[in-house]
Amino acid sequence: MIGSVRGKLESKSPPQLTVDVGGVGYELVAPMSTFFLLPAVGEHVHLLTHLVVREDAHVLYAFGTEAERRLFRSLIKVSGVGPKIALTLLSGISVEAFAQSVQSQDIATLTKVPGVGRKTAERLVVELRDRLSVPSNGGVSSAVPPQSPEAEAFAALTGMGCTPAEATRLLKAVGPGTHSTEELIRRALQGIVASE
Protein backbone atom coordinates (compact mmCIF):
# COMPACT_ATOMS: atom_id res chain seq x y z
CA MET A 1 0.00 0.00 0.00
CA ILE A 2 1.26 3.49 -0.85
CA GLY A 3 0.43 5.71 2.13
CA SER A 4 1.72 9.06 0.89
CA VAL A 5 3.75 10.76 -1.81
CA ARG A 6 6.19 13.64 -1.41
CA GLY A 7 7.76 15.37 -4.38
CA LYS A 8 7.41 18.04 -7.05
CA LEU A 9 3.96 18.86 -8.42
CA GLU A 10 4.29 18.37 -12.18
CA SER A 11 0.73 19.00 -13.33
CA LYS A 12 -2.76 19.58 -11.97
CA SER A 13 -5.97 19.39 -13.94
CA PRO A 14 -8.96 18.45 -11.75
CA PRO A 15 -9.47 15.73 -10.75
CA GLN A 16 -6.00 14.51 -11.83
CA LEU A 17 -2.51 15.57 -10.82
CA THR A 18 1.02 14.25 -11.24
CA VAL A 19 3.72 14.29 -8.58
CA ASP A 20 7.37 13.57 -9.46
CA VAL A 21 8.88 11.43 -6.70
CA GLY A 22 12.56 10.79 -7.36
CA GLY A 23 12.11 10.74 -11.12
CA VAL A 24 8.92 8.66 -11.09
CA GLY A 25 5.69 10.49 -11.98
CA TYR A 26 2.77 9.34 -9.85
CA GLU A 27 -0.63 10.03 -11.41
CA LEU A 28 -3.19 10.73 -8.69
CA VAL A 29 -6.89 11.53 -8.50
CA ALA A 30 -7.99 14.03 -5.86
CA PRO A 31 -11.17 15.75 -4.64
CA MET A 32 -11.63 19.48 -5.26
CA SER A 33 -11.07 20.21 -1.57
CA THR A 34 -7.51 18.89 -1.96
CA PHE A 35 -6.96 20.90 -5.17
CA PHE A 36 -7.54 24.12 -3.22
CA LEU A 37 -4.64 23.20 -0.94
CA LEU A 38 -2.18 22.45 -3.75
CA PRO A 39 0.80 24.75 -4.35
CA ALA A 40 1.76 26.01 -7.82
CA VAL A 41 3.09 23.57 -10.42
CA GLY A 42 6.79 23.04 -9.82
CA GLU A 43 6.47 23.42 -6.06
CA HIS A 44 7.04 20.71 -3.44
CA VAL A 45 3.95 18.83 -2.22
CA HIS A 46 3.13 16.12 0.34
CA LEU A 47 -0.13 14.21 -0.07
CA LEU A 48 -1.73 11.29 1.77
CA THR A 49 -2.90 8.52 -0.54
CA HIS A 50 -5.16 5.51 -0.84
CA LEU A 51 -4.63 2.86 -3.53
CA VAL A 52 -7.70 1.25 -5.09
CA VAL A 53 -6.99 -1.94 -7.05
CA ARG A 54 -9.50 -2.92 -9.72
CA GLU A 55 -9.39 -5.58 -12.42
CA ASP A 56 -8.63 -3.00 -15.11
CA ALA A 57 -6.59 -0.42 -13.19
CA HIS A 58 -4.74 0.63 -10.04
CA VAL A 59 -5.90 4.12 -9.03
CA LEU A 60 -4.05 6.22 -6.47
CA TYR A 61 -6.28 8.77 -4.70
CA ALA A 62 -4.68 11.79 -3.02
CA PHE A 63 -5.83 13.85 -0.02
CA GLY A 64 -4.60 17.04 1.60
CA THR A 65 -5.69 16.03 5.11
CA GLU A 66 -5.99 12.87 7.18
CA ALA A 67 -9.68 13.70 7.80
CA GLU A 68 -10.40 13.57 4.06
CA ARG A 69 -8.61 10.26 3.61
CA ARG A 70 -10.34 8.78 6.67
CA LEU A 71 -13.75 9.82 5.33
CA PHE A 72 -12.92 8.46 1.85
CA ARG A 73 -12.01 5.10 3.38
CA SER A 74 -15.24 5.05 5.39
CA LEU A 75 -17.31 5.97 2.32
CA ILE A 76 -15.96 3.22 0.06
CA LYS A 77 -16.93 0.64 2.71
CA VAL A 78 -20.58 1.65 2.36
CA SER A 79 -22.61 -0.69 0.16
CA GLY A 80 -23.10 0.81 -3.31
CA VAL A 81 -20.61 3.68 -2.79
CA GLY A 82 -17.47 3.36 -4.85
CA PRO A 83 -14.42 5.62 -5.12
CA LYS A 84 -16.10 7.81 -7.76
CA ILE A 85 -19.07 8.71 -5.52
CA ALA A 86 -16.74 9.08 -2.52
CA LEU A 87 -14.62 11.57 -4.50
CA THR A 88 -17.74 13.46 -5.59
CA LEU A 89 -18.90 13.69 -1.97
CA LEU A 90 -15.52 15.02 -0.81
CA SER A 91 -15.60 17.55 -3.67
CA GLY A 92 -19.13 18.70 -2.92
CA ILE A 93 -19.25 18.88 0.88
CA SER A 94 -16.68 19.47 3.61
CA VAL A 95 -15.73 16.68 6.02
CA GLU A 96 -17.35 18.64 8.86
CA ALA A 97 -20.58 19.33 6.96
CA PHE A 98 -20.81 15.68 5.91
CA ALA A 99 -20.41 14.46 9.50
CA GLN A 100 -23.03 16.97 10.66
CA SER A 101 -25.47 15.88 7.92
CA VAL A 102 -25.06 12.20 8.78
CA GLN A 103 -25.49 12.80 12.53
CA SER A 104 -28.60 14.95 12.00
CA GLN A 105 -29.89 12.55 9.31
CA ASP A 106 -30.08 15.47 6.87
CA ILE A 107 -30.83 13.55 3.66
CA ALA A 108 -31.68 16.76 1.75
CA THR A 109 -28.15 18.19 2.14
CA LEU A 110 -26.52 14.95 1.05
CA THR A 111 -28.70 14.66 -2.07
CA LYS A 112 -27.57 18.14 -3.18
CA VAL A 113 -24.20 16.61 -4.03
CA PRO A 114 -24.23 15.64 -7.74
CA GLY A 115 -24.58 11.89 -8.24
CA VAL A 116 -25.95 11.18 -4.75
CA GLY A 117 -29.55 10.03 -4.84
CA ARG A 118 -31.96 9.57 -1.96
CA LYS A 119 -31.28 5.84 -1.52
CA THR A 120 -27.51 6.41 -1.42
CA ALA A 121 -27.92 9.28 1.06
CA GLU A 122 -30.11 7.12 3.32
CA ARG A 123 -27.56 4.29 3.16
CA LEU A 124 -24.76 6.72 4.10
CA VAL A 125 -26.72 7.91 7.13
CA VAL A 126 -27.56 4.39 8.31
CA GLU A 127 -24.08 2.92 7.82
CA LEU A 128 -21.96 5.88 8.96
CA ARG A 129 -24.05 7.39 11.77
CA ASP A 130 -22.19 5.45 14.48
CA ARG A 131 -18.74 5.90 12.89
CA LEU A 132 -18.67 9.72 12.67
CA SER A 133 -18.65 11.79 15.83
CA VAL A 134 -19.99 15.33 16.16
CA PRO A 135 -19.83 16.76 19.72
CA SER A 136 -22.91 18.28 21.32
CA ASN A 137 -21.51 21.84 21.07
CA GLY A 138 -22.30 21.68 17.35
CA GLY A 139 -18.71 21.50 16.20
CA VAL A 140 -16.98 18.48 14.76
CA SER A 141 -14.73 16.28 16.86
CA SER A 142 -11.31 17.81 17.42
CA ALA A 143 -9.86 14.72 15.74
CA VAL A 144 -10.97 16.33 12.46
CA PRO A 145 -8.65 19.22 11.56
CA PRO A 146 -10.20 22.45 10.26
CA GLN A 147 -10.33 22.93 6.51
CA SER A 148 -8.87 25.86 4.63
CA PRO A 149 -11.11 28.88 3.91
CA GLU A 150 -11.02 27.92 0.20
CA ALA A 151 -12.27 24.39 0.90
CA GLU A 152 -15.00 25.69 3.22
CA ALA A 153 -16.07 28.29 0.64
CA PHE A 154 -16.13 25.58 -2.04
CA ALA A 155 -18.38 23.40 0.13
CA ALA A 156 -20.66 26.36 0.85
CA LEU A 157 -20.99 27.30 -2.83
CA THR A 158 -21.75 23.73 -3.90
CA GLY A 159 -24.24 23.54 -1.03
CA MET A 160 -25.95 26.62 -2.51
CA GLY A 161 -26.42 24.87 -5.84
CA CYS A 162 -23.22 25.65 -7.77
CA THR A 163 -21.70 22.72 -9.62
CA PRO A 164 -18.15 21.83 -8.48
CA ALA A 165 -16.81 23.30 -11.76
CA GLU A 166 -18.73 26.58 -11.25
CA ALA A 167 -17.57 26.87 -7.65
CA THR A 168 -13.96 26.29 -8.71
CA ARG A 169 -14.22 28.93 -11.46
CA LEU A 170 -15.79 31.49 -9.11
CA LEU A 171 -13.18 30.98 -6.40
CA LYS A 172 -10.30 31.17 -8.88
CA ALA A 173 -11.78 34.48 -10.13
CA VAL A 174 -11.51 35.89 -6.59
CA GLY A 175 -7.75 35.68 -7.02
CA PRO A 176 -4.91 35.09 -4.56
CA GLY A 177 -4.81 36.62 -1.12
CA THR A 178 -5.60 35.81 2.46
CA HIS A 179 -9.37 35.85 2.59
CA SER A 180 -11.71 34.50 5.23
CA THR A 181 -14.30 31.91 4.23
CA GLU A 182 -17.04 34.55 4.40
CA GLU A 183 -15.06 36.97 2.21
CA LEU A 184 -14.39 34.27 -0.39
CA ILE A 185 -18.09 33.37 -0.55
CA ARG A 186 -19.12 37.04 -0.75
CA ARG A 187 -16.70 37.76 -3.61
CA ALA A 188 -17.65 34.56 -5.45
CA LEU A 189 -21.33 35.48 -5.23
CA GLN A 190 -20.52 38.96 -6.53
CA GLY A 191 -18.91 37.19 -9.49
CA ILE A 192 -22.21 35.39 -10.20
CA VAL A 193 -24.14 38.68 -10.13
CA ALA A 194 -21.56 40.41 -12.37
CA SER A 195 -21.77 37.66 -14.99
CA GLU A 196 -25.58 37.76 -15.24
C-alpha atoms as a PDB file:
ATOM      1  CA  MET A   1       0.000   0.000   0.000  1.00  0.00           C
ATOM      2  CA  ILE A   2       1.264   3.486  -0.851  1.00  0.00           C
ATOM      3  CA  GLY A   3       0.432   5.708   2.135  1.00  0.00           C
ATOM      4  CA  SER A   4       1.720   9.058   0.893  1.00  0.00           C
ATOM      5  CA  VAL A   5       3.747  10.764  -1.809  1.00  0.00           C
ATOM      6  CA  ARG A   6       6.194  13.641  -1.408  1.00  0.00           C
ATOM      7  CA  GLY A   7       7.759  15.368  -4.381  1.00  0.00           C
ATOM      8  CA  LYS A   8       7.410  18.044  -7.053  1.00  0.00           C
ATOM      9  CA  LEU A   9       3.957  18.857  -8.415  1.00  0.00           C
ATOM     10  CA  GLU A  10       4.288  18.372 -12.179  1.00  0.00           C
ATOM     11  CA  SER A  11       0.727  18.997 -13.326  1.00  0.00           C
ATOM     12  CA  LYS A  12      -2.760  19.577 -11.969  1.00  0.00           C
ATOM     13  CA  SER A  13      -5.970  19.391 -13.943  1.00  0.00           C
ATOM     14  CA  PRO A  14      -8.962  18.455 -11.753  1.00  0.00           C
ATOM     15  CA  PRO A  15      -9.471  15.734 -10.754  1.00  0.00           C
ATOM     16  CA  GLN A  16      -5.999  14.514 -11.827  1.00  0.00           C
ATOM     17  CA  LEU A  17      -2.512  15.570 -10.817  1.00  0.00           C
ATOM     18  CA  THR A  18       1.015  14.249 -11.240  1.00  0.00           C
ATOM     19  CA  VAL A  19       3.724  14.293  -8.581  1.00  0.00           C
ATOM     20  CA  ASP A  20       7.370  13.575  -9.458  1.00  0.00           C
ATOM     21  CA  VAL A  21       8.882  11.433  -6.696  1.00  0.00           C
ATOM     22  CA  GLY A  22      12.562  10.787  -7.355  1.00  0.00           C
ATOM     23  CA  GLY A  23      12.108  10.742 -11.117  1.00  0.00           C
ATOM     24  CA  VAL A  24       8.917   8.655 -11.087  1.00  0.00           C
ATOM     25  CA  GLY A  25       5.694  10.494 -11.981  1.00  0.00           C
ATOM     26  CA  TYR A  26       2.768   9.338  -9.854  1.00  0.00           C
ATOM     27  CA  GLU A  27      -0.634  10.026 -11.409  1.00  0.00           C
ATOM     28  CA  LEU A  28      -3.192  10.734  -8.689  1.00  0.00           C
ATOM     29  CA  VAL A  29      -6.889  11.530  -8.504  1.00  0.00           C
ATOM     30  CA  ALA A  30      -7.989  14.029  -5.859  1.00  0.00           C
ATOM     31  CA  PRO A  31     -11.171  15.752  -4.640  1.00  0.00           C
ATOM     32  CA  MET A  32     -11.626  19.482  -5.257  1.00  0.00           C
ATOM     33  CA  SER A  33     -11.070  20.214  -1.567  1.00  0.00           C
ATOM     34  CA  THR A  34      -7.514  18.890  -1.964  1.00  0.00           C
ATOM     35  CA  PHE A  35      -6.962  20.898  -5.168  1.00  0.00           C
ATOM     36  CA  PHE A  36      -7.543  24.116  -3.222  1.00  0.00           C
ATOM     37  CA  LEU A  37      -4.636  23.195  -0.938  1.00  0.00           C
ATOM     38  CA  LEU A  38      -2.179  22.448  -3.747  1.00  0.00           C
ATOM     39  CA  PRO A  39       0.799  24.745  -4.354  1.00  0.00           C
ATOM     40  CA  ALA A  40       1.759  26.011  -7.825  1.00  0.00           C
ATOM     41  CA  VAL A  41       3.087  23.567 -10.418  1.00  0.00           C
ATOM     42  CA  GLY A  42       6.792  23.040  -9.820  1.00  0.00           C
ATOM     43  CA  GLU A  43       6.470  23.421  -6.056  1.00  0.00           C
ATOM     44  CA  HIS A  44       7.040  20.709  -3.439  1.00  0.00           C
ATOM     45  CA  VAL A  45       3.952  18.833  -2.223  1.00  0.00           C
ATOM     46  CA  HIS A  46       3.125  16.120   0.335  1.00  0.00           C
ATOM     47  CA  LEU A  47      -0.133  14.205  -0.075  1.00  0.00           C
ATOM     48  CA  LEU A  48      -1.725  11.292   1.774  1.00  0.00           C
ATOM     49  CA  THR A  49      -2.899   8.518  -0.539  1.00  0.00           C
ATOM     50  CA  HIS A  50      -5.162   5.505  -0.835  1.00  0.00           C
ATOM     51  CA  LEU A  51      -4.625   2.859  -3.526  1.00  0.00           C
ATOM     52  CA  VAL A  52      -7.702   1.248  -5.089  1.00  0.00           C
ATOM     53  CA  VAL A  53      -6.994  -1.938  -7.051  1.00  0.00           C
ATOM     54  CA  ARG A  54      -9.501  -2.920  -9.724  1.00  0.00           C
ATOM     55  CA  GLU A  55      -9.388  -5.581 -12.425  1.00  0.00           C
ATOM     56  CA  ASP A  56      -8.634  -3.002 -15.108  1.00  0.00           C
ATOM     57  CA  ALA A  57      -6.592  -0.416 -13.190  1.00  0.00           C
ATOM     58  CA  HIS A  58      -4.741   0.630 -10.041  1.00  0.00           C
ATOM     59  CA  VAL A  59      -5.900   4.122  -9.034  1.00  0.00           C
ATOM     60  CA  LEU A  60      -4.049   6.218  -6.472  1.00  0.00           C
ATOM     61  CA  TYR A  61      -6.277   8.767  -4.704  1.00  0.00           C
ATOM     62  CA  ALA A  62      -4.680  11.792  -3.020  1.00  0.00           C
ATOM     63  CA  PHE A  63      -5.826  13.852  -0.023  1.00  0.00           C
ATOM     64  CA  GLY A  64      -4.604  17.037   1.596  1.00  0.00           C
ATOM     65  CA  THR A  65      -5.688  16.027   5.110  1.00  0.00           C
ATOM     66  CA  GLU A  66      -5.994  12.866   7.179  1.00  0.00           C
ATOM     67  CA  ALA A  67      -9.675  13.704   7.799  1.00  0.00           C
ATOM     68  CA  GLU A  68     -10.403  13.573   4.060  1.00  0.00           C
ATOM     69  CA  ARG A  69      -8.611  10.262   3.609  1.00  0.00           C
ATOM     70  CA  ARG A  70     -10.343   8.783   6.671  1.00  0.00           C
ATOM     71  CA  LEU A  71     -13.753   9.819   5.326  1.00  0.00           C
ATOM     72  CA  PHE A  72     -12.916   8.462   1.852  1.00  0.00           C
ATOM     73  CA  ARG A  73     -12.010   5.102   3.377  1.00  0.00           C
ATOM     74  CA  SER A  74     -15.244   5.052   5.386  1.00  0.00           C
ATOM     75  CA  LEU A  75     -17.314   5.970   2.322  1.00  0.00           C
ATOM     76  CA  ILE A  76     -15.961   3.220   0.064  1.00  0.00           C
ATOM     77  CA  LYS A  77     -16.928   0.642   2.711  1.00  0.00           C
ATOM     78  CA  VAL A  78     -20.580   1.654   2.361  1.00  0.00           C
ATOM     79  CA  SER A  79     -22.606  -0.688   0.158  1.00  0.00           C
ATOM     80  CA  GLY A  80     -23.096   0.813  -3.313  1.00  0.00           C
ATOM     81  CA  VAL A  81     -20.613   3.676  -2.787  1.00  0.00           C
ATOM     82  CA  GLY A  82     -17.465   3.362  -4.851  1.00  0.00           C
ATOM     83  CA  PRO A  83     -14.418   5.622  -5.124  1.00  0.00           C
ATOM     84  CA  LYS A  84     -16.101   7.812  -7.763  1.00  0.00           C
ATOM     85  CA  ILE A  85     -19.073   8.710  -5.524  1.00  0.00           C
ATOM     86  CA  ALA A  86     -16.744   9.081  -2.521  1.00  0.00           C
ATOM     87  CA  LEU A  87     -14.617  11.566  -4.501  1.00  0.00           C
ATOM     88  CA  THR A  88     -17.742  13.464  -5.589  1.00  0.00           C
ATOM     89  CA  LEU A  89     -18.896  13.693  -1.966  1.00  0.00           C
ATOM     90  CA  LEU A  90     -15.524  15.020  -0.815  1.00  0.00           C
ATOM     91  CA  SER A  91     -15.598  17.552  -3.667  1.00  0.00           C
ATOM     92  CA  GLY A  92     -19.128  18.702  -2.920  1.00  0.00           C
ATOM     93  CA  ILE A  93     -19.253  18.882   0.883  1.00  0.00           C
ATOM     94  CA  SER A  94     -16.677  19.470   3.611  1.00  0.00           C
ATOM     95  CA  VAL A  95     -15.734  16.681   6.023  1.00  0.00           C
ATOM     96  CA  GLU A  96     -17.350  18.643   8.862  1.00  0.00           C
ATOM     97  CA  ALA A  97     -20.584  19.330   6.956  1.00  0.00           C
ATOM     98  CA  PHE A  98     -20.808  15.679   5.913  1.00  0.00           C
ATOM     99  CA  ALA A  99     -20.411  14.462   9.499  1.00  0.00           C
ATOM    100  CA  GLN A 100     -23.025  16.971  10.662  1.00  0.00           C
ATOM    101  CA  SER A 101     -25.465  15.879   7.916  1.00  0.00           C
ATOM    102  CA  VAL A 102     -25.060  12.199   8.784  1.00  0.00           C
ATOM    103  CA  GLN A 103     -25.490  12.803  12.528  1.00  0.00           C
ATOM    104  CA  SER A 104     -28.597  14.950  12.002  1.00  0.00           C
ATOM    105  CA  GLN A 105     -29.895  12.553   9.305  1.00  0.00           C
ATOM    106  CA  ASP A 106     -30.085  15.471   6.869  1.00  0.00           C
ATOM    107  CA  ILE A 107     -30.825  13.551   3.656  1.00  0.00           C
ATOM    108  CA  ALA A 108     -31.678  16.765   1.752  1.00  0.00           C
ATOM    109  CA  THR A 109     -28.153  18.193   2.145  1.00  0.00           C
ATOM    110  CA  LEU A 110     -26.518  14.949   1.046  1.00  0.00           C
ATOM    111  CA  THR A 111     -28.699  14.657  -2.073  1.00  0.00           C
ATOM    112  CA  LYS A 112     -27.571  18.145  -3.182  1.00  0.00           C
ATOM    113  CA  VAL A 113     -24.198  16.612  -4.025  1.00  0.00           C
ATOM    114  CA  PRO A 114     -24.234  15.639  -7.736  1.00  0.00           C
ATOM    115  CA  GLY A 115     -24.583  11.889  -8.238  1.00  0.00           C
ATOM    116  CA  VAL A 116     -25.952  11.177  -4.752  1.00  0.00           C
ATOM    117  CA  GLY A 117     -29.555  10.025  -4.844  1.00  0.00           C
ATOM    118  CA  ARG A 118     -31.959   9.572  -1.965  1.00  0.00           C
ATOM    119  CA  LYS A 119     -31.280   5.839  -1.517  1.00  0.00           C
ATOM    120  CA  THR A 120     -27.510   6.406  -1.417  1.00  0.00           C
ATOM    121  CA  ALA A 121     -27.917   9.277   1.062  1.00  0.00           C
ATOM    122  CA  GLU A 122     -30.109   7.120   3.321  1.00  0.00           C
ATOM    123  CA  ARG A 123     -27.564   4.292   3.164  1.00  0.00           C
ATOM    124  CA  LEU A 124     -24.763   6.718   4.096  1.00  0.00           C
ATOM    125  CA  VAL A 125     -26.716   7.915   7.131  1.00  0.00           C
ATOM    126  CA  VAL A 126     -27.556   4.395   8.314  1.00  0.00           C
ATOM    127  CA  GLU A 127     -24.082   2.919   7.822  1.00  0.00           C
ATOM    128  CA  LEU A 128     -21.959   5.877   8.964  1.00  0.00           C
ATOM    129  CA  ARG A 129     -24.051   7.385  11.767  1.00  0.00           C
ATOM    130  CA  ASP A 130     -22.188   5.454  14.482  1.00  0.00           C
ATOM    131  CA  ARG A 131     -18.741   5.898  12.890  1.00  0.00           C
ATOM    132  CA  LEU A 132     -18.670   9.715  12.669  1.00  0.00           C
ATOM    133  CA  SER A 133     -18.647  11.790  15.834  1.00  0.00           C
ATOM    134  CA  VAL A 134     -19.990  15.329  16.161  1.00  0.00           C
ATOM    135  CA  PRO A 135     -19.831  16.758  19.716  1.00  0.00           C
ATOM    136  CA  SER A 136     -22.914  18.282  21.323  1.00  0.00           C
ATOM    137  CA  ASN A 137     -21.508  21.839  21.067  1.00  0.00           C
ATOM    138  CA  GLY A 138     -22.304  21.682  17.354  1.00  0.00           C
ATOM    139  CA  GLY A 139     -18.706  21.497  16.201  1.00  0.00           C
ATOM    140  CA  VAL A 140     -16.985  18.484  14.763  1.00  0.00           C
ATOM    141  CA  SER A 141     -14.734  16.284  16.858  1.00  0.00           C
ATOM    142  CA  SER A 142     -11.312  17.807  17.418  1.00  0.00           C
ATOM    143  CA  ALA A 143      -9.862  14.721  15.736  1.00  0.00           C
ATOM    144  CA  VAL A 144     -10.966  16.330  12.461  1.00  0.00           C
ATOM    145  CA  PRO A 145      -8.651  19.223  11.564  1.00  0.00           C
ATOM    146  CA  PRO A 146     -10.204  22.449  10.261  1.00  0.00           C
ATOM    147  CA  GLN A 147     -10.334  22.931   6.505  1.00  0.00           C
ATOM    148  CA  SER A 148      -8.867  25.859   4.626  1.00  0.00           C
ATOM    149  CA  PRO A 149     -11.114  28.881   3.913  1.00  0.00           C
ATOM    150  CA  GLU A 150     -11.016  27.922   0.198  1.00  0.00           C
ATOM    151  CA  ALA A 151     -12.271  24.388   0.897  1.00  0.00           C
ATOM    152  CA  GLU A 152     -14.995  25.688   3.217  1.00  0.00           C
ATOM    153  CA  ALA A 153     -16.068  28.292   0.641  1.00  0.00           C
ATOM    154  CA  PHE A 154     -16.132  25.583  -2.042  1.00  0.00           C
ATOM    155  CA  ALA A 155     -18.378  23.399   0.133  1.00  0.00           C
ATOM    156  CA  ALA A 156     -20.657  26.356   0.849  1.00  0.00           C
ATOM    157  CA  LEU A 157     -20.986  27.297  -2.829  1.00  0.00           C
ATOM    158  CA  THR A 158     -21.748  23.729  -3.902  1.00  0.00           C
ATOM    159  CA  GLY A 159     -24.235  23.537  -1.027  1.00  0.00           C
ATOM    160  CA  MET A 160     -25.949  26.619  -2.514  1.00  0.00           C
ATOM    161  CA  GLY A 161     -26.422  24.867  -5.839  1.00  0.00           C
ATOM    162  CA  CYS A 162     -23.224  25.651  -7.772  1.00  0.00           C
ATOM    163  CA  THR A 163     -21.696  22.722  -9.617  1.00  0.00           C
ATOM    164  CA  PRO A 164     -18.145  21.833  -8.483  1.00  0.00           C
ATOM    165  CA  ALA A 165     -16.808  23.298 -11.760  1.00  0.00           C
ATOM    166  CA  GLU A 166     -18.728  26.577 -11.254  1.00  0.00           C
ATOM    167  CA  ALA A 167     -17.570  26.867  -7.648  1.00  0.00           C
ATOM    168  CA  THR A 168     -13.963  26.288  -8.711  1.00  0.00           C
ATOM    169  CA  ARG A 169     -14.216  28.932 -11.459  1.00  0.00           C
ATOM    170  CA  LEU A 170     -15.788  31.493  -9.110  1.00  0.00           C
ATOM    171  CA  LEU A 171     -13.179  30.976  -6.395  1.00  0.00           C
ATOM    172  CA  LYS A 172     -10.297  31.172  -8.882  1.00  0.00           C
ATOM    173  CA  ALA A 173     -11.777  34.479 -10.129  1.00  0.00           C
ATOM    174  CA  VAL A 174     -11.506  35.894  -6.588  1.00  0.00           C
ATOM    175  CA  GLY A 175      -7.751  35.677  -7.015  1.00  0.00           C
ATOM    176  CA  PRO A 176      -4.909  35.093  -4.562  1.00  0.00           C
ATOM    177  CA  GLY A 177      -4.808  36.624  -1.120  1.00  0.00           C
ATOM    178  CA  THR A 178      -5.603  35.808   2.464  1.00  0.00           C
ATOM    179  CA  HIS A 179      -9.369  35.846   2.590  1.00  0.00           C
ATOM    180  CA  SER A 180     -11.711  34.496   5.234  1.00  0.00           C
ATOM    181  CA  THR A 181     -14.299  31.906   4.228  1.00  0.00           C
ATOM    182  CA  GLU A 182     -17.036  34.547   4.398  1.00  0.00           C
ATOM    183  CA  GLU A 183     -15.065  36.967   2.212  1.00  0.00           C
ATOM    184  CA  LEU A 184     -14.390  34.270  -0.390  1.00  0.00           C
ATOM    185  CA  ILE A 185     -18.087  33.373  -0.548  1.00  0.00           C
ATOM    186  CA  ARG A 186     -19.122  37.036  -0.754  1.00  0.00           C
ATOM    187  CA  ARG A 187     -16.702  37.765  -3.613  1.00  0.00           C
ATOM    188  CA  ALA A 188     -17.648  34.563  -5.451  1.00  0.00           C
ATOM    189  CA  LEU A 189     -21.335  35.483  -5.225  1.00  0.00           C
ATOM    190  CA  GLN A 190     -20.518  38.965  -6.529  1.00  0.00           C
ATOM    191  CA  GLY A 191     -18.911  37.193  -9.489  1.00  0.00           C
ATOM    192  CA  ILE A 192     -22.209  35.395 -10.201  1.00  0.00           C
ATOM    193  CA  VAL A 193     -24.144  38.680 -10.127  1.00  0.00           C
ATOM    194  CA  ALA A 194     -21.562  40.415 -12.368  1.00  0.00           C
ATOM    195  CA  SER A 195     -21.769  37.658 -14.986  1.00  0.00           C
ATOM    196  CA  GLU A 196     -25.576  37.765 -15.237  1.00  0.00           C
END
